[in-house]
Amino acid sequence: MNLATMRTQFKAHTSGLADQMADPDIDGYMNLIYMWVIPTEVDGSLTESLWERAIAINQFLETVPAGMVALNHNKHWIHAANTLSSPQRLYVSYDYMSFTFRWPDYRDTTKTGKPDEICIFNNAVIYNRPSDYAYLVVSQCRAGPGVLTSAGIGDDIHALATISGASWIYLQEKEDSVGAAREGGLYDIYKNLMLTRSQSRYQPRRPARSF
């Protein structure tokens, strides 16, 4: 469903209250649902992503990019210099104080090397030493998509979930309780369809306990 059709559907779902809204304002409501709400509520391949980046020489900190819902625990690795082979797991810490006590010189660019530990804190990834090379670092993460483009959303169920969710928020702001209830119910239907599909992938059984 292309973006122009989604805007038309949004106006239809809001019972005419949004007929005079400008396109960028409509897009704001739909992007809110599309980028931030649906990825947090629907798991599976929809939100699984890889954050691949080459860290610069002397770099010890990087900001987590917008649109990333969550960095998965203990799923971060670094490759050897000049090659994609020899991946090495990065030890992960979430306690900045403990990290600082273990690595008091993590900002000192005279003590560079290959990082082997990161601290995820305050929307940033902190390396335990400044990099001595532009290493490739990869994180498995849950990430939302970017803003909607003119192409819209190819999956109609995903598109309808976005439209009904955006309409639900808009109608609540307009205090149209009947319309909000209708759109909230529609959003739940489409969201549940997406949840069913995302969880239909085969999941192996956990290993049996040894006792």
C-alpha atoms as a PDB file:
ATOM      1  CA  MET A   1       0.000   0.000   0.000  1.00  0.00           C
ATOM      2  CA  ASN A   2       1.640   3.257  -1.087  1.00  0.00           C
ATOM      3  CA  LEU A   3       1.832   6.311   1.153  1.00  0.00           C
ATOM      4  CA  ALA A   4      -0.805   8.305  -0.737  1.00  0.00           C
ATOM      5  CA  THR A   5      -3.336   5.488  -0.238  1.00  0.00           C
ATOM      6  CA  MET A   6      -2.391   5.212   3.433  1.00  0.00           C
ATOM      7  CA  ARG A   7      -3.097   8.926   3.914  1.00  0.00           C
ATOM      8  CA  THR A   8      -6.494   8.530   2.245  1.00  0.00           C
ATOM      9  CA  GLN A   9      -7.267   5.540   4.472  1.00  0.00           C
ATOM     10  CA  PHE A  10      -6.203   7.514   7.565  1.00  0.00           C
ATOM     11  CA  LYS A  11      -8.729  10.240   6.699  1.00  0.00           C
ATOM     12  CA  ALA A  12     -11.438   7.612   6.185  1.00  0.00           C
ATOM     13  CA  HIS A  13     -10.619   5.936   9.512  1.00  0.00           C
ATOM     14  CA  THR A  14     -10.860   9.245  11.389  1.00  0.00           C
ATOM     15  CA  SER A  15     -14.476   9.847  10.349  1.00  0.00           C
ATOM     16  CA  GLY A  16     -13.623  12.990   8.407  1.00  0.00           C
ATOM     17  CA  LEU A  17     -12.014  14.796  11.374  1.00  0.00           C
ATOM     18  CA  ALA A  18      -8.647  14.739   9.607  1.00  0.00           C
ATOM     19  CA  ASP A  19      -9.894  15.742   6.153  1.00  0.00           C
ATOM     20  CA  GLN A  20      -8.158  19.125   6.338  1.00  0.00           C
ATOM     21  CA  MET A  21      -4.884  17.837   7.777  1.00  0.00           C
ATOM     22  CA  ALA A  22      -1.701  18.429   5.780  1.00  0.00           C
ATOM     23  CA  ASP A  23       0.171  15.359   4.548  1.00  0.00           C
ATOM     24  CA  PRO A  24       3.215  15.919   6.846  1.00  0.00           C
ATOM     25  CA  ASP A  25       0.917  16.007   9.889  1.00  0.00           C
ATOM     26  CA  ILE A  26      -0.725  12.730   8.877  1.00  0.00           C
ATOM     27  CA  ASP A  27       2.710  11.212   8.254  1.00  0.00           C
ATOM     28  CA  GLY A  28       3.724  12.208  11.779  1.00  0.00           C
ATOM     29  CA  TYR A  29       0.986  10.067  13.325  1.00  0.00           C
ATOM     30  CA  MET A  30       1.710   7.121  11.036  1.00  0.00           C
ATOM     31  CA  ASN A  31       5.471   7.300  11.572  1.00  0.00           C
ATOM     32  CA  LEU A  32       4.935   7.283  15.326  1.00  0.00           C
ATOM     33  CA  ILE A  33       3.160   3.932  15.082  1.00  0.00           C
ATOM     34  CA  TYR A  34       5.303   2.547  12.267  1.00  0.00           C
ATOM     35  CA  MET A  35       8.715   3.430  13.712  1.00  0.00           C
ATOM     36  CA  TRP A  36       8.234   3.195  17.468  1.00  0.00           C
ATOM     37  CA  VAL A  37       5.067   1.366  18.547  1.00  0.00           C
ATOM     38  CA  ILE A  38       4.710  -1.653  16.257  1.00  0.00           C
ATOM     39  CA  PRO A  39       8.395  -2.729  16.558  1.00  0.00           C
ATOM     40  CA  THR A  40       8.082  -2.792  20.365  1.00  0.00           C
ATOM     41  CA  GLU A  41       4.878  -4.832  20.295  1.00  0.00           C
ATOM     42  CA  VAL A  42       5.550  -7.278  17.462  1.00  0.00           C
ATOM     43  CA  ASP A  43       8.545  -9.595  17.713  1.00  0.00           C
ATOM     44  CA  GLY A  44      10.107 -11.882  15.145  1.00  0.00           C
ATOM     45  CA  SER A  45      11.799 -11.134  11.856  1.00  0.00           C
ATOM     46  CA  LEU A  46       9.938  -7.814  11.583  1.00  0.00           C
ATOM     47  CA  THR A  47      12.208  -6.263  14.183  1.00  0.00           C
ATOM     48  CA  GLU A  48      15.359  -8.358  13.977  1.00  0.00           C
ATOM     49  CA  SER A  49      18.238  -6.396  12.517  1.00  0.00           C
ATOM     50  CA  LEU A  50      22.018  -6.107  12.401  1.00  0.00           C
ATOM     51  CA  TRP A  51      23.819  -2.903  13.292  1.00  0.00           C
ATOM     52  CA  GLU A  52      27.096  -3.081  11.373  1.00  0.00           C
ATOM     53  CA  ARG A  53      29.614  -0.264  11.659  1.00  0.00           C
ATOM     54  CA  ALA A  54      33.342   0.371  11.346  1.00  0.00           C
ATOM     55  CA  ILE A  55      34.624   2.136  14.418  1.00  0.00           C
ATOM     56  CA  ALA A  56      37.227   4.830  13.805  1.00  0.00           C
ATOM     57  CA  ILE A  57      40.794   4.800  15.101  1.00  0.00           C
ATOM     58  CA  ASN A  58      40.881   6.226  18.667  1.00  0.00           C
ATOM     59  CA  GLN A  59      37.094   5.850  18.984  1.00  0.00           C
ATOM     60  CA  PHE A  60      35.857   4.680  22.373  1.00  0.00           C
ATOM     61  CA  LEU A  61      32.188   5.753  22.322  1.00  0.00           C
ATOM     62  CA  GLU A  62      29.302   5.753  19.846  1.00  0.00           C
ATOM     63  CA  THR A  63      25.670   6.791  20.097  1.00  0.00           C
ATOM     64  CA  VAL A  64      23.003   4.177  19.482  1.00  0.00           C
ATOM     65  CA  PRO A  65      21.228   5.286  16.268  1.00  0.00           C
ATOM     66  CA  ALA A  66      17.619   6.430  16.257  1.00  0.00           C
ATOM     67  CA  GLY A  67      15.084   3.758  15.426  1.00  0.00           C
ATOM     68  CA  MET A  68      16.852   1.046  17.379  1.00  0.00           C
ATOM     69  CA  VAL A  69      14.431  -0.450  19.860  1.00  0.00           C
ATOM     70  CA  ALA A  70      16.859  -2.548  21.877  1.00  0.00           C
ATOM     71  CA  LEU A  71      20.329  -4.042  21.666  1.00  0.00           C
ATOM     72  CA  ASN A  72      20.043  -7.759  22.384  1.00  0.00           C
ATOM     73  CA  HIS A  73      21.929  -8.964  25.403  1.00  0.00           C
ATOM     74  CA  ASN A  74      25.330 -10.507  24.725  1.00  0.00           C
ATOM     75  CA  LYS A  75      25.023 -10.517  20.938  1.00  0.00           C
ATOM     76  CA  HIS A  76      27.866  -8.228  19.948  1.00  0.00           C
ATOM     77  CA  TRP A  77      31.060  -9.143  18.151  1.00  0.00           C
ATOM     78  CA  ILE A  78      34.114  -7.599  16.522  1.00  0.00           C
ATOM     79  CA  HIS A  79      36.057  -8.803  13.496  1.00  0.00           C
ATOM     80  CA  ALA A  80      39.799  -8.973  12.979  1.00  0.00           C
ATOM     81  CA  ALA A  81      41.557  -6.119  11.210  1.00  0.00           C
ATOM     82  CA  ASN A  82      41.290  -6.077   7.396  1.00  0.00           C
ATOM     83  CA  THR A  83      39.051  -9.149   7.295  1.00  0.00           C
ATOM     84  CA  LEU A  84      35.527 -10.339   7.981  1.00  0.00           C
ATOM     85  CA  SER A  85      36.841 -13.573   9.408  1.00  0.00           C
ATOM     86  CA  SER A  86      37.800 -14.394  12.980  1.00  0.00           C
ATOM     87  CA  PRO A  87      34.819 -12.819  14.759  1.00  0.00           C
ATOM     88  CA  GLN A  88      35.343 -12.363  18.490  1.00  0.00           C
ATOM     89  CA  ARG A  89      32.525 -11.963  21.003  1.00  0.00           C
ATOM     90  CA  LEU A  90      32.494  -8.724  22.956  1.00  0.00           C
ATOM     91  CA  TYR A  91      31.885  -9.049  26.677  1.00  0.00           C
ATOM     92  CA  VAL A  92      28.905  -6.839  27.590  1.00  0.00           C
ATOM     93  CA  SER A  93      28.439  -4.761  30.732  1.00  0.00           C
ATOM     94  CA  TYR A  94      25.452  -2.645  31.763  1.00  0.00           C
ATOM     95  CA  ASP A  95      26.950  -1.145  34.938  1.00  0.00           C
ATOM     96  CA  TYR A  96      28.869   2.002  34.045  1.00  0.00           C
ATOM     97  CA  MET A  97      30.485   2.366  37.481  1.00  0.00           C
ATOM     98  CA  SER A  98      31.846  -1.185  37.469  1.00  0.00           C
ATOM     99  CA  PHE A  99      33.019  -0.719  33.881  1.00  0.00           C
ATOM    100  CA  THR A 100      34.839   2.510  34.797  1.00  0.00           C
ATOM    101  CA  PHE A 101      36.595   0.850  37.739  1.00  0.00           C
ATOM    102  CA  ARG A 102      37.725  -2.029  35.528  1.00  0.00           C
ATOM    103  CA  TRP A 103      38.774   0.245  32.669  1.00  0.00           C
ATOM    104  CA  PRO A 104      39.744   3.656  34.137  1.00  0.00           C
ATOM    105  CA  ASP A 105      41.770   4.545  31.011  1.00  0.00           C
ATOM    106  CA  TYR A 106      39.097   3.752  28.421  1.00  0.00           C
ATOM    107  CA  ARG A 107      39.281   7.365  27.145  1.00  0.00           C
ATOM    108  CA  ASP A 108      43.084   7.493  26.955  1.00  0.00           C
ATOM    109  CA  THR A 109      44.004   7.562  23.245  1.00  0.00           C
ATOM    110  CA  THR A 110      47.644   6.836  24.073  1.00  0.00           C
ATOM    111  CA  LYS A 111      46.552   3.328  25.127  1.00  0.00           C
ATOM    112  CA  THR A 112      44.829   1.998  22.044  1.00  0.00           C
ATOM    113  CA  GLY A 113      44.081  -1.599  21.141  1.00  0.00           C
ATOM    114  CA  LYS A 114      41.389  -3.951  19.957  1.00  0.00           C
ATOM    115  CA  PRO A 115      38.311  -3.588  22.198  1.00  0.00           C
ATOM    116  CA  ASP A 116      37.075  -6.764  23.847  1.00  0.00           C
ATOM    117  CA  GLU A 117      34.401  -5.355  26.149  1.00  0.00           C
ATOM    118  CA  ILE A 118      31.604  -2.822  25.773  1.00  0.00           C
ATOM    119  CA  CYS A 119      29.325  -1.044  28.207  1.00  0.00           C
ATOM    120  CA  ILE A 120      25.809  -0.188  27.040  1.00  0.00           C
ATOM    121  CA  PHE A 121      24.693   2.837  29.014  1.00  0.00           C
ATOM    122  CA  ASN A 122      22.794   6.095  28.473  1.00  0.00           C
ATOM    123  CA  ASN A 123      21.934   5.327  24.829  1.00  0.00           C
ATOM    124  CA  ALA A 124      25.606   4.777  24.008  1.00  0.00           C
ATOM    125  CA  VAL A 125      28.052   1.949  23.413  1.00  0.00           C
ATOM    126  CA  ILE A 126      31.329   2.509  25.299  1.00  0.00           C
ATOM    127  CA  TYR A 127      34.451   0.511  24.399  1.00  0.00           C
ATOM    128  CA  ASN A 128      36.964  -0.533  27.026  1.00  0.00           C
ATOM    129  CA  ARG A 129      39.846   1.005  25.062  1.00  0.00           C
ATOM    130  CA  PRO A 130      40.213   3.380  22.114  1.00  0.00           C
ATOM    131  CA  SER A 131      40.439   1.446  18.874  1.00  0.00           C
ATOM    132  CA  ASP A 132      43.835   1.082  17.179  1.00  0.00           C
ATOM    133  CA  TYR A 133      42.181   0.169  13.881  1.00  0.00           C
ATOM    134  CA  ALA A 134      38.891   0.671  12.019  1.00  0.00           C
ATOM    135  CA  TYR A 135      37.426  -2.643  13.145  1.00  0.00           C
ATOM    136  CA  LEU A 136      34.053  -3.883  11.935  1.00  0.00           C
ATOM    137  CA  VAL A 137      31.673  -4.252  14.895  1.00  0.00           C
ATOM    138  CA  VAL A 138      28.295  -5.987  14.625  1.00  0.00           C
ATOM    139  CA  SER A 139      25.370  -6.024  17.049  1.00  0.00           C
ATOM    140  CA  GLN A 140      22.220  -8.087  16.758  1.00  0.00           C
ATOM    141  CA  CYS A 141      19.366  -5.828  17.720  1.00  0.00           C
ATOM    142  CA  ARG A 142      15.690  -5.045  17.565  1.00  0.00           C
ATOM    143  CA  ALA A 143      15.304  -2.054  15.314  1.00  0.00           C
ATOM    144  CA  GLY A 144      12.396  -0.139  13.926  1.00  0.00           C
ATOM    145  CA  PRO A 145      12.292   1.028  10.319  1.00  0.00           C
ATOM    146  CA  GLY A 146      12.985   4.545   9.061  1.00  0.00           C
ATOM    147  CA  VAL A 147      10.316   7.085   8.158  1.00  0.00           C
ATOM    148  CA  LEU A 148       7.672   6.115   5.637  1.00  0.00           C
ATOM    149  CA  THR A 149       8.510   6.882   2.019  1.00  0.00           C
ATOM    150  CA  SER A 150       6.218   7.323  -0.981  1.00  0.00           C
ATOM    151  CA  ALA A 151       6.378   3.542  -1.512  1.00  0.00           C
ATOM    152  CA  GLY A 152       4.512   3.043   1.761  1.00  0.00           C
ATOM    153  CA  ILE A 153       4.393  -0.470   3.243  1.00  0.00           C
ATOM    154  CA  GLY A 154       4.321  -3.527   1.003  1.00  0.00           C
ATOM    155  CA  ASP A 155       2.622  -5.758   3.585  1.00  0.00           C
ATOM    156  CA  ASP A 156      -1.051  -4.744   3.715  1.00  0.00           C
ATOM    157  CA  ILE A 157      -1.578  -6.090   7.240  1.00  0.00           C
ATOM    158  CA  HIS A 158       1.371  -4.034   8.467  1.00  0.00           C
ATOM    159  CA  ALA A 159       0.012  -1.009   6.587  1.00  0.00           C
ATOM    160  CA  LEU A 160      -3.474  -1.413   8.069  1.00  0.00           C
ATOM    161  CA  ALA A 161      -2.027  -1.806  11.560  1.00  0.00           C
ATOM    162  CA  THR A 162      -0.136   1.450  11.028  1.00  0.00           C
ATOM    163  CA  ILE A 163      -3.227   3.286   9.773  1.00  0.00           C
ATOM    164  CA  SER A 164      -5.559   2.059  12.520  1.00  0.00           C
ATOM    165  CA  GLY A 165      -2.953   2.681  15.237  1.00  0.00           C
ATOM    166  CA  ALA A 166      -2.320   6.216  13.996  1.00  0.00           C
ATOM    167  CA  SER A 167      -6.077   6.852  13.770  1.00  0.00           C
ATOM    168  CA  TRP A 168      -6.545   5.510  17.297  1.00  0.00           C
ATOM    169  CA  ILE A 169      -4.036   8.004  18.724  1.00  0.00           C
ATOM    170  CA  TYR A 170      -5.480  10.885  16.706  1.00  0.00           C
ATOM    171  CA  LEU A 171      -9.077  10.165  17.725  1.00  0.00           C
ATOM    172  CA  GLN A 172      -8.100   9.924  21.387  1.00  0.00           C
ATOM    173  CA  GLU A 173      -6.584  13.383  21.115  1.00  0.00           C
ATOM    174  CA  LYS A 174      -9.814  14.617  19.510  1.00  0.00           C
ATOM    175  CA  GLU A 175     -11.806  12.977  22.343  1.00  0.00           C
ATOM    176  CA  ASP A 176     -13.832  10.867  19.916  1.00  0.00           C
ATOM    177  CA  SER A 177     -14.233   7.919  22.284  1.00  0.00           C
ATOM    178  CA  VAL A 178     -16.413   5.893  19.931  1.00  0.00           C
ATOM    179  CA  GLY A 179     -14.015   6.270  16.998  1.00  0.00           C
ATOM    180  CA  ALA A 180     -10.999   5.633  19.230  1.00  0.00           C
ATOM    181  CA  ALA A 181     -12.553   2.421  20.549  1.00  0.00           C
ATOM    182  CA  ARG A 182     -13.257   1.264  16.991  1.00  0.00           C
ATOM    183  CA  GLU A 183      -9.738   1.983  15.772  1.00  0.00           C
ATOM    184  CA  GLY A 184      -8.161   0.531  18.907  1.00  0.00           C
ATOM    185  CA  GLY A 185     -10.036  -2.700  18.267  1.00  0.00           C
ATOM    186  CA  LEU A 186      -8.908  -2.758  14.636  1.00  0.00           C
ATOM    187  CA  TYR A 187      -5.315  -2.117  15.662  1.00  0.00           C
ATOM    188  CA  ASP A 188      -5.436  -5.068  18.073  1.00  0.00           C
ATOM    189  CA  ILE A 189      -6.777  -7.331  15.304  1.00  0.00           C
ATOM    190  CA  TYR A 190      -4.019  -6.401  12.846  1.00  0.00           C
ATOM    191  CA  LYS A 191      -1.355  -6.492  15.550  1.00  0.00           C
ATOM    192  CA  ASN A 192      -2.437  -9.977  16.619  1.00  0.00           C
ATOM    193  CA  LEU A 193      -2.268 -11.157  13.006  1.00  0.00           C
ATOM    194  CA  MET A 194       1.285  -9.863  12.821  1.00  0.00           C
ATOM    195  CA  LEU A 195       2.149 -11.482  16.152  1.00  0.00           C
ATOM    196  CA  THR A 196       0.769 -14.836  14.995  1.00  0.00           C
ATOM    197  CA  ARG A 197       2.787 -14.674  11.797  1.00  0.00           C
ATOM    198  CA  SER A 198       6.005 -13.556  13.476  1.00  0.00           C
ATOM    199  CA  GLN A 199       5.793 -16.355  16.059  1.00  0.00           C
ATOM    200  CA  SER A 200       4.968 -19.076  13.525  1.00  0.00           C
ATOM    201  CA  ARG A 201       8.637 -19.681  12.745  1.00  0.00           C
ATOM    202  CA  TYR A 202      10.017 -22.972  14.047  1.00  0.00           C
ATOM    203  CA  GLN A 203      11.593 -22.618  17.471  1.00  0.00           C
ATOM    204  CA  PRO A 204      13.752 -25.539  18.672  1.00  0.00           C
ATOM    205  CA  ARG A 205      13.055 -26.993  22.097  1.00  0.00           C
ATOM    206  CA  ARG A 206      15.297 -25.945  24.925  1.00  0.00           C
ATOM    207  CA  PRO A 207      17.838 -28.585  25.966  1.00  0.00           C
ATOM    208  CA  ALA A 208      16.517 -30.917  28.630  1.00  0.00           C
ATOM    209  CA  ARG A 209      17.752 -30.395  32.148  1.00  0.00           C
ATOM    210  CA  SER A 210      20.532 -32.652  33.335  1.00  0.00           C
ATOM    211  CA  PHE A 211      18.840 -33.465  36.614  1.00  0.00           C
END
